[in-house]
Protein backbone atom coordinates (compact mmCIF):
# COMPACT_ATOMS: atom_id res chain seq x y z
CA MET A 1 49.48 24.57 39.17
CA ASN A 2 52.16 27.17 39.36
CA ILE A 3 55.74 26.93 38.19
CA THR A 4 57.19 26.44 41.69
CA GLU A 5 55.03 23.37 42.29
CA LEU A 6 55.98 21.94 38.93
CA SER A 7 59.70 22.63 39.35
CA GLN A 8 59.78 20.37 42.41
CA LYS A 9 58.62 17.36 40.40
CA THR A 10 60.88 14.85 38.69
CA LYS A 11 61.05 14.46 34.93
CA GLU A 12 58.95 11.29 35.08
CA GLU A 13 56.29 13.03 37.15
CA LEU A 14 56.22 15.93 34.70
CA LEU A 15 55.79 13.58 31.74
CA LYS A 16 52.96 11.76 33.49
CA LEU A 17 51.30 15.07 34.35
CA LEU A 18 51.73 16.20 30.75
CA ASP A 19 49.84 13.15 29.52
CA GLU A 20 47.07 13.81 32.04
CA LYS A 21 46.74 17.46 31.03
CA ARG A 22 46.65 16.58 27.34
CA SER A 23 43.86 14.12 28.06
CA ASP A 24 42.03 16.80 30.06
CA VAL A 25 42.29 19.26 27.18
CA GLN A 26 40.89 16.70 24.77
CA ASP A 27 37.98 15.92 27.11
CA LEU A 28 37.26 19.60 27.69
CA LYS A 29 37.23 20.29 23.96
CA MET A 30 34.71 17.50 23.47
CA GLN A 31 32.54 18.82 26.30
CA MET A 32 32.61 22.33 24.85
CA ALA A 33 31.68 21.04 21.41
CA SER A 34 28.73 19.14 22.83
CA GLY A 35 27.65 22.14 24.92
CA LYS A 36 28.11 20.49 28.31
CA ILE A 37 30.32 23.30 29.59
CA LYS A 38 30.02 26.97 28.77
CA SER A 39 33.19 28.42 30.27
CA ALA A 40 36.55 27.94 28.61
CA LYS A 41 38.43 28.85 31.79
CA SER A 42 39.38 25.27 32.69
CA LEU A 43 40.52 24.61 29.12
CA LYS A 44 42.67 27.73 29.19
CA GLU A 45 44.24 26.74 32.53
CA SER A 46 45.04 23.24 31.30
CA LYS A 47 46.75 24.64 28.22
CA LYS A 48 48.81 26.98 30.38
CA ASP A 49 49.83 24.06 32.60
CA ILE A 50 50.99 22.16 29.51
CA ALA A 51 53.08 25.15 28.45
CA ARG A 52 54.63 25.39 31.92
CA ILE A 53 55.54 21.70 31.87
CA PHE A 54 57.14 22.03 28.43
CA THR A 55 59.09 25.05 29.66
CA LEU A 56 60.51 23.09 32.59
CA LEU A 57 61.33 20.07 30.44
CA ASN A 58 63.13 22.26 27.90
CA GLN A 59 65.07 24.08 30.61
CA GLU A 60 66.17 20.75 32.02
CA LYS A 61 67.22 19.56 28.57
CA ASP A 62 69.17 22.77 27.90
CA SER A 63 70.96 22.60 31.23
CA GLN A 64 72.26 19.11 30.40
CA LYS A 65 74.11 20.36 27.30
């Protein structure tokens, strides 16, 4: 997901997506540890998505002050 797609979502949608991405990261870490997947590309992308979501949530929080 890119930042423009995420910026169109509501706060509730972002929080739900954040939970999903965190779960994905946990699952991907387990799969990498067990050797089921070799590439870390999907793990890296999920972590970047989490960072983008946190950025948007923090910008929203700062704009309310």
